[in-house]
Amino acid sequence: MSSNQKSSPAAAHKAANDNKANQCNPKHPEFGGHQQGYTGKGTKEDLVNHAKQLNPNNSLHRPPGNK
């Protein structure tokens, strides 16, 4: 490890966030693209499931960005 690299958990978290930002920036070479908004099936069952995943009080809750 070089002297300018950090090994703390905070540095690792910052590096992960920077990488995510780079991948979402269309002007960055690491841009991977992402879809805007919800792109599910649109059926009632699908929309209800999506709403439950966004509700932090529900057991199906998944924070945005987690798969």
PDB file of N, CA and C in Angstrom:
ATOM      1  N   MET A   1       0.845  -1.175   0.000  1.00  0.00           N
ATOM      2  CA  MET A   1       0.000   0.000   0.000  1.00  0.00           C
ATOM      3  C   MET A   1       0.889   1.235   0.000  1.00  0.00           C
ATOM      4  N   SER A   2       0.589   2.185  -0.870  1.00  0.00           N
ATOM      5  CA  SER A   2       1.412   3.389  -0.931  1.00  0.00           C
ATOM      6  C   SER A   2       1.056   4.330   0.212  1.00  0.00           C
ATOM      7  N   SER A   3       1.894   5.310   0.426  1.00  0.00           N
ATOM      8  CA  SER A   3       1.706   6.213   1.558  1.00  0.00           C
ATOM      9  C   SER A   3       0.480   7.103   1.405  1.00  0.00           C
ATOM     10  N   ASN A   4      -0.045   7.282   0.180  1.00  0.00           N
ATOM     11  CA  ASN A   4      -1.204   8.154   0.018  1.00  0.00           C
ATOM     12  C   ASN A   4      -2.522   7.371   0.040  1.00  0.00           C
ATOM     13  N   GLN A   5      -2.482   6.044   0.205  1.00  0.00           N
ATOM     14  CA  GLN A   5      -3.691   5.252   0.303  1.00  0.00           C
ATOM     15  C   GLN A   5      -4.099   5.136   1.759  1.00  0.00           C
ATOM     16  N   LYS A   6      -5.434   5.209   1.993  1.00  0.00           N
ATOM     17  CA  LYS A   6      -5.954   5.083   3.345  1.00  0.00           C
ATOM     18  C   LYS A   6      -6.582   3.708   3.497  1.00  0.00           C
ATOM     19  N   SER A   7      -6.499   3.152   4.696  1.00  0.00           N
ATOM     20  CA  SER A   7      -7.043   1.823   4.920  1.00  0.00           C
ATOM     21  C   SER A   7      -8.174   1.832   5.951  1.00  0.00           C
ATOM     22  N   SER A   8      -8.686   2.986   6.304  1.00  0.00           N
ATOM     23  CA  SER A   8      -9.740   3.049   7.301  1.00  0.00           C
ATOM     24  C   SER A   8     -11.095   2.707   6.677  1.00  0.00           C
ATOM     25  N   PRO A   9     -12.048   2.288   7.514  1.00  0.00           N
ATOM     26  CA  PRO A   9     -13.395   2.017   6.992  1.00  0.00           C
ATOM     27  C   PRO A   9     -14.014   3.261   6.343  1.00  0.00           C
ATOM     28  N   ALA A  10     -13.729   4.436   6.894  1.00  0.00           N
ATOM     29  CA  ALA A  10     -14.262   5.668   6.315  1.00  0.00           C
ATOM     30  C   ALA A  10     -13.705   5.897   4.912  1.00  0.00           C
ATOM     31  N   ALA A  11     -12.427   5.603   4.721  1.00  0.00           N
ATOM     32  CA  ALA A  11     -11.816   5.758   3.396  1.00  0.00           C
ATOM     33  C   ALA A  11     -12.419   4.762   2.417  1.00  0.00           C
ATOM     34  N   ALA A  12     -12.675   3.538   2.873  1.00  0.00           N
ATOM     35  CA  ALA A  12     -13.289   2.523   2.008  1.00  0.00           C
ATOM     36  C   ALA A  12     -14.701   2.945   1.611  1.00  0.00           C
ATOM     37  N   HIS A  13     -15.457   3.502   2.565  1.00  0.00           N
ATOM     38  CA  HIS A  13     -16.820   3.971   2.285  1.00  0.00           C
ATOM     39  C   HIS A  13     -16.789   5.127   1.278  1.00  0.00           C
ATOM     40  N   LYS A  14     -15.858   6.056   1.451  1.00  0.00           N
ATOM     41  CA  LYS A  14     -15.735   7.183   0.526  1.00  0.00           C
ATOM     42  C   LYS A  14     -15.379   6.689  -0.875  1.00  0.00           C
ATOM     43  N   ALA A  15     -14.474   5.717  -0.961  1.00  0.00           N
ATOM     44  CA  ALA A  15     -14.073   5.176  -2.261  1.00  0.00           C
ATOM     45  C   ALA A  15     -15.262   4.508  -2.955  1.00  0.00           C
ATOM     46  N   ALA A  16     -16.063   3.774  -2.195  1.00  0.00           N
ATOM     47  CA  ALA A  16     -17.241   3.121  -2.776  1.00  0.00           C
ATOM     48  C   ALA A  16     -18.244   4.152  -3.274  1.00  0.00           C
ATOM     49  N   ASN A  17     -18.467   5.217  -2.490  1.00  0.00           N
ATOM     50  CA  ASN A  17     -19.395   6.274  -2.911  1.00  0.00           C
ATOM     51  C   ASN A  17     -18.865   7.015  -4.125  1.00  0.00           C
ATOM     52  N   ASP A  18     -17.566   7.280  -4.161  1.00  0.00           N
ATOM     53  CA  ASP A  18     -16.974   7.950  -5.318  1.00  0.00           C
ATOM     54  C   ASP A  18     -17.142   7.091  -6.570  1.00  0.00           C
ATOM     55  N   ASN A  19     -16.930   5.781  -6.429  1.00  0.00           N
ATOM     56  CA  ASN A  19     -17.069   4.885  -7.569  1.00  0.00           C
ATOM     57  C   ASN A  19     -18.508   4.871  -8.062  1.00  0.00           C
ATOM     58  N   LYS A  20     -19.472   4.846  -7.131  1.00  0.00           N
ATOM     59  CA  LYS A  20     -20.882   4.849  -7.515  1.00  0.00           C
ATOM     60  C   LYS A  20     -21.216   6.127  -8.266  1.00  0.00           C
ATOM     61  N   ALA A  21     -20.708   7.253  -7.767  1.00  0.00           N
ATOM     62  CA  ALA A  21     -20.949   8.536  -8.429  1.00  0.00           C
ATOM     63  C   ALA A  21     -20.326   8.550  -9.824  1.00  0.00           C
ATOM     64  N   ASN A  22     -19.129   7.982  -9.952  1.00  0.00           N
ATOM     65  CA  ASN A  22     -18.475   7.928 -11.260  1.00  0.00           C
ATOM     66  C   ASN A  22     -19.290   7.103 -12.245  1.00  0.00           C
ATOM     67  N   GLN A  23     -19.852   5.995 -11.787  1.00  0.00           N
ATOM     68  CA  GLN A  23     -20.612   5.125 -12.667  1.00  0.00           C
ATOM     69  C   GLN A  23     -21.930   5.758 -13.104  1.00  0.00           C
ATOM     70  N   CYS A  24     -22.445   6.710 -12.339  1.00  0.00           N
ATOM     71  CA  CYS A  24     -23.696   7.375 -12.683  1.00  0.00           C
ATOM     72  C   CYS A  24     -23.479   8.689 -13.433  1.00  0.00           C
ATOM     73  N   ASN A  25     -22.235   9.094 -13.604  1.00  0.00           N
ATOM     74  CA  ASN A  25     -21.909  10.342 -14.284  1.00  0.00           C
ATOM     75  C   ASN A  25     -21.646  10.060 -15.761  1.00  0.00           C
ATOM     76  N   PRO A  26     -22.536  10.512 -16.657  1.00  0.00           N
ATOM     77  CA  PRO A  26     -22.350  10.193 -18.081  1.00  0.00           C
ATOM     78  C   PRO A  26     -21.077  10.774 -18.683  1.00  0.00           C
ATOM     79  N   LYS A  27     -20.436  11.730 -18.024  1.00  0.00           N
ATOM     80  CA  LYS A  27     -19.204  12.316 -18.550  1.00  0.00           C
ATOM     81  C   LYS A  27     -17.960  11.615 -18.021  1.00  0.00           C
ATOM     82  N   HIS A  28     -18.135  10.603 -17.164  1.00  0.00           N
ATOM     83  CA  HIS A  28     -17.006   9.879 -16.589  1.00  0.00           C
ATOM     84  C   HIS A  28     -16.769   8.593 -17.382  1.00  0.00           C
ATOM     85  N   PRO A  29     -15.501   8.192 -17.589  1.00  0.00           N
ATOM     86  CA  PRO A  29     -15.224   6.983 -18.380  1.00  0.00           C
ATOM     87  C   PRO A  29     -15.791   5.688 -17.780  1.00  0.00           C
ATOM     88  N   GLU A  30     -16.063   5.665 -16.474  1.00  0.00           N
ATOM     89  CA  GLU A  30     -16.621   4.468 -15.842  1.00  0.00           C
ATOM     90  C   GLU A  30     -18.143   4.441 -15.887  1.00  0.00           C
ATOM     91  N   PHE A  31     -18.754   5.387 -16.597  1.00  0.00           N
ATOM     92  CA  PHE A  31     -20.214   5.476 -16.660  1.00  0.00           C
ATOM     93  C   PHE A  31     -20.814   4.156 -17.126  1.00  0.00           C
ATOM     94  N   GLY A  32     -21.704   3.609 -16.331  1.00  0.00           N
ATOM     95  CA  GLY A  32     -22.359   2.358 -16.687  1.00  0.00           C
ATOM     96  C   GLY A  32     -23.816   2.554 -17.053  1.00  0.00           C
ATOM     97  N   GLY A  33     -24.313   3.762 -16.880  1.00  0.00           N
ATOM     98  CA  GLY A  33     -25.709   4.040 -17.174  1.00  0.00           C
ATOM     99  C   GLY A  33     -26.610   3.577 -16.046  1.00  0.00           C
ATOM    100  N   HIS A  34     -27.731   4.197 -15.920  1.00  0.00           N
ATOM    101  CA  HIS A  34     -28.737   3.767 -14.967  1.00  0.00           C
ATOM    102  C   HIS A  34     -30.091   4.243 -15.448  1.00  0.00           C
ATOM    103  N   GLN A  35     -31.119   3.553 -15.001  1.00  0.00           N
ATOM    104  CA  GLN A  35     -32.475   3.885 -15.425  1.00  0.00           C
ATOM    105  C   GLN A  35     -33.073   4.897 -14.473  1.00  0.00           C
ATOM    106  N   GLN A  36     -33.784   5.850 -15.029  1.00  0.00           N
ATOM    107  CA  GLN A  36     -34.457   6.849 -14.223  1.00  0.00           C
ATOM    108  C   GLN A  36     -35.813   6.313 -13.798  1.00  0.00           C
ATOM    109  N   GLY A  37     -36.150   6.493 -12.536  1.00  0.00           N
ATOM    110  CA  GLY A  37     -37.468   6.108 -12.056  1.00  0.00           C
ATOM    111  C   GLY A  37     -37.675   4.612 -11.961  1.00  0.00           C
ATOM    112  N   TYR A  38     -38.887   4.238 -11.645  1.00  0.00           N
ATOM    113  CA  TYR A  38     -39.245   2.834 -11.484  1.00  0.00           C
ATOM    114  C   TYR A  38     -39.519   2.213 -12.852  1.00  0.00           C
ATOM    115  N   THR A  39     -38.947   1.055 -13.103  1.00  0.00           N
ATOM    116  CA  THR A  39     -39.092   0.426 -14.417  1.00  0.00           C
ATOM    117  C   THR A  39     -39.649  -0.986 -14.304  1.00  0.00           C
ATOM    118  N   GLY A  40     -40.521  -1.222 -13.317  1.00  0.00           N
ATOM    119  CA  GLY A  40     -41.097  -2.552 -13.125  1.00  0.00           C
ATOM    120  C   GLY A  40     -42.184  -2.844 -14.142  1.00  0.00           C
ATOM    121  N   LYS A  41     -42.921  -3.924 -13.887  1.00  0.00           N
ATOM    122  CA  LYS A  41     -43.969  -4.381 -14.799  1.00  0.00           C
ATOM    123  C   LYS A  41     -45.164  -3.439 -14.823  1.00  0.00           C
ATOM    124  N   GLY A  42     -45.447  -2.793 -13.699  1.00  0.00           N
ATOM    125  CA  GLY A  42     -46.574  -1.872 -13.630  1.00  0.00           C
ATOM    126  C   GLY A  42     -47.880  -2.527 -13.230  1.00  0.00           C
ATOM    127  N   THR A  43     -47.868  -3.843 -12.957  1.00  0.00           N
ATOM    128  CA  THR A  43     -49.083  -4.495 -12.488  1.00  0.00           C
ATOM    129  C   THR A  43     -49.347  -4.063 -11.053  1.00  0.00           C
ATOM    130  N   LYS A  44     -50.592  -4.244 -10.596  1.00  0.00           N
ATOM    131  CA  LYS A  44     -50.920  -3.839  -9.231  1.00  0.00           C
ATOM    132  C   LYS A  44     -50.029  -4.568  -8.221  1.00  0.00           C
ATOM    133  N   GLU A  45     -49.841  -5.886  -8.414  1.00  0.00           N
ATOM    134  CA  GLU A  45     -49.011  -6.661  -7.484  1.00  0.00           C
ATOM    135  C   GLU A  45     -47.570  -6.158  -7.473  1.00  0.00           C
ATOM    136  N   ASP A  46     -47.061  -5.827  -8.646  1.00  0.00           N
ATOM    137  CA  ASP A  46     -45.691  -5.331  -8.763  1.00  0.00           C
ATOM    138  C   ASP A  46     -45.544  -3.976  -8.071  1.00  0.00           C
ATOM    139  N   LEU A  47     -46.507  -3.089  -8.254  1.00  0.00           N
ATOM    140  CA  LEU A  47     -46.447  -1.767  -7.628  1.00  0.00           C
ATOM    141  C   LEU A  47     -46.584  -1.862  -6.111  1.00  0.00           C
ATOM    142  N   VAL A  48     -47.429  -2.759  -5.630  1.00  0.00           N
ATOM    143  CA  VAL A  48     -47.582  -2.954  -4.182  1.00  0.00           C
ATOM    144  C   VAL A  48     -46.267  -3.478  -3.595  1.00  0.00           C
ATOM    145  N   ASN A  49     -45.654  -4.441  -4.270  1.00  0.00           N
ATOM    146  CA  ASN A  49     -44.378  -4.976  -3.800  1.00  0.00           C
ATOM    147  C   ASN A  49     -43.313  -3.888  -3.785  1.00  0.00           C
ATOM    148  N   HIS A  50     -43.278  -3.063  -4.816  1.00  0.00           N
ATOM    149  CA  HIS A  50     -42.306  -1.964  -4.881  1.00  0.00           C
ATOM    150  C   HIS A  50     -42.524  -0.987  -3.727  1.00  0.00           C
ATOM    151  N   ALA A  51     -43.775  -0.652  -3.448  1.00  0.00           N
ATOM    152  CA  ALA A  51     -44.086   0.258  -2.347  1.00  0.00           C
ATOM    153  C   ALA A  51     -43.644  -0.336  -1.010  1.00  0.00           C
ATOM    154  N   LYS A  52     -43.859  -1.643  -0.836  1.00  0.00           N
ATOM    155  CA  LYS A  52     -43.443  -2.289   0.413  1.00  0.00           C
ATOM    156  C   LYS A  52     -41.929  -2.252   0.571  1.00  0.00           C
ATOM    157  N   GLN A  53     -41.206  -2.411  -0.538  1.00  0.00           N
ATOM    158  CA  GLN A  53     -39.744  -2.389  -0.473  1.00  0.00           C
ATOM    159  C   GLN A  53     -39.224  -1.010  -0.119  1.00  0.00           C
ATOM    160  N   LEU A  54     -39.980   0.039  -0.431  1.00  0.00           N
ATOM    161  CA  LEU A  54     -39.555   1.403  -0.118  1.00  0.00           C
ATOM    162  C   LEU A  54     -39.974   1.845   1.281  1.00  0.00           C
ATOM    163  N   ASN A  55     -40.850   1.086   1.925  1.00  0.00           N
ATOM    164  CA  ASN A  55     -41.364   1.446   3.237  1.00  0.00           C
ATOM    165  C   ASN A  55     -40.439   0.887   4.326  1.00  0.00           C
ATOM    166  N   PRO A  56     -39.735   1.758   5.064  1.00  0.00           N
ATOM    167  CA  PRO A  56     -38.792   1.265   6.087  1.00  0.00           C
ATOM    168  C   PRO A  56     -39.478   0.521   7.229  1.00  0.00           C
ATOM    169  N   ASN A  57     -40.803   0.632   7.357  1.00  0.00           N
ATOM    170  CA  ASN A  57     -41.532  -0.081   8.407  1.00  0.00           C
ATOM    171  C   ASN A  57     -42.006  -1.456   7.950  1.00  0.00           C
ATOM    172  N   ASN A  58     -41.676  -1.856   6.729  1.00  0.00           N
ATOM    173  CA  ASN A  58     -42.111  -3.137   6.189  1.00  0.00           C
ATOM    174  C   ASN A  58     -40.951  -4.122   6.184  1.00  0.00           C
ATOM    175  N   SER A  59     -41.263  -5.414   6.396  1.00  0.00           N
ATOM    176  CA  SER A  59     -40.200  -6.430   6.432  1.00  0.00           C
ATOM    177  C   SER A  59     -39.534  -6.631   5.075  1.00  0.00           C
ATOM    178  N   LEU A  60     -40.166  -6.200   3.991  1.00  0.00           N
ATOM    179  CA  LEU A  60     -39.579  -6.325   2.655  1.00  0.00           C
ATOM    180  C   LEU A  60     -38.718  -5.118   2.278  1.00  0.00           C
ATOM    181  N   HIS A  61     -38.548  -4.185   3.207  1.00  0.00           N
ATOM    182  CA  HIS A  61     -37.830  -2.944   2.918  1.00  0.00           C
ATOM    183  C   HIS A  61     -36.425  -3.211   2.390  1.00  0.00           C
ATOM    184  N   ARG A  62     -36.094  -2.558   1.292  1.00  0.00           N
ATOM    185  CA  ARG A  62     -34.735  -2.570   0.732  1.00  0.00           C
ATOM    186  C   ARG A  62     -34.375  -1.131   0.426  1.00  0.00           C
ATOM    187  N   PRO A  63     -33.325  -0.612   1.041  1.00  0.00           N
ATOM    188  CA  PRO A  63     -32.928   0.768   0.725  1.00  0.00           C
ATOM    189  C   PRO A  63     -32.638   0.908  -0.764  1.00  0.00           C
ATOM    190  N   PRO A  64     -32.942   2.073  -1.356  1.00  0.00           N
ATOM    191  CA  PRO A  64     -32.666   2.290  -2.779  1.00  0.00           C
ATOM    192  C   PRO A  64     -31.212   1.991  -3.107  1.00  0.00           C
ATOM    193  N   GLY A  65     -31.002   1.333  -4.254  1.00  0.00           N
ATOM    194  CA  GLY A  65     -29.654   0.996  -4.680  1.00  0.00           C
ATOM    195  C   GLY A  65     -29.210  -0.390  -4.288  1.00  0.00           C
ATOM    196  N   ASN A  66     -29.890  -1.041  -3.337  1.00  0.00           N
ATOM    197  CA  ASN A  66     -29.530  -2.400  -2.940  1.00  0.00           C
ATOM    198  C   ASN A  66     -30.332  -3.379  -3.779  1.00  0.00           C
ATOM    199  N   LYS A  67     -29.664  -4.448  -4.173  1.00  0.00           N
ATOM    200  CA  LYS A  67     -30.361  -5.469  -4.966  1.00  0.00           C
ATOM    201  C   LYS A  67     -30.434  -6.751  -4.201  1.00  0.00           C
TER     202      LYS A  67
END
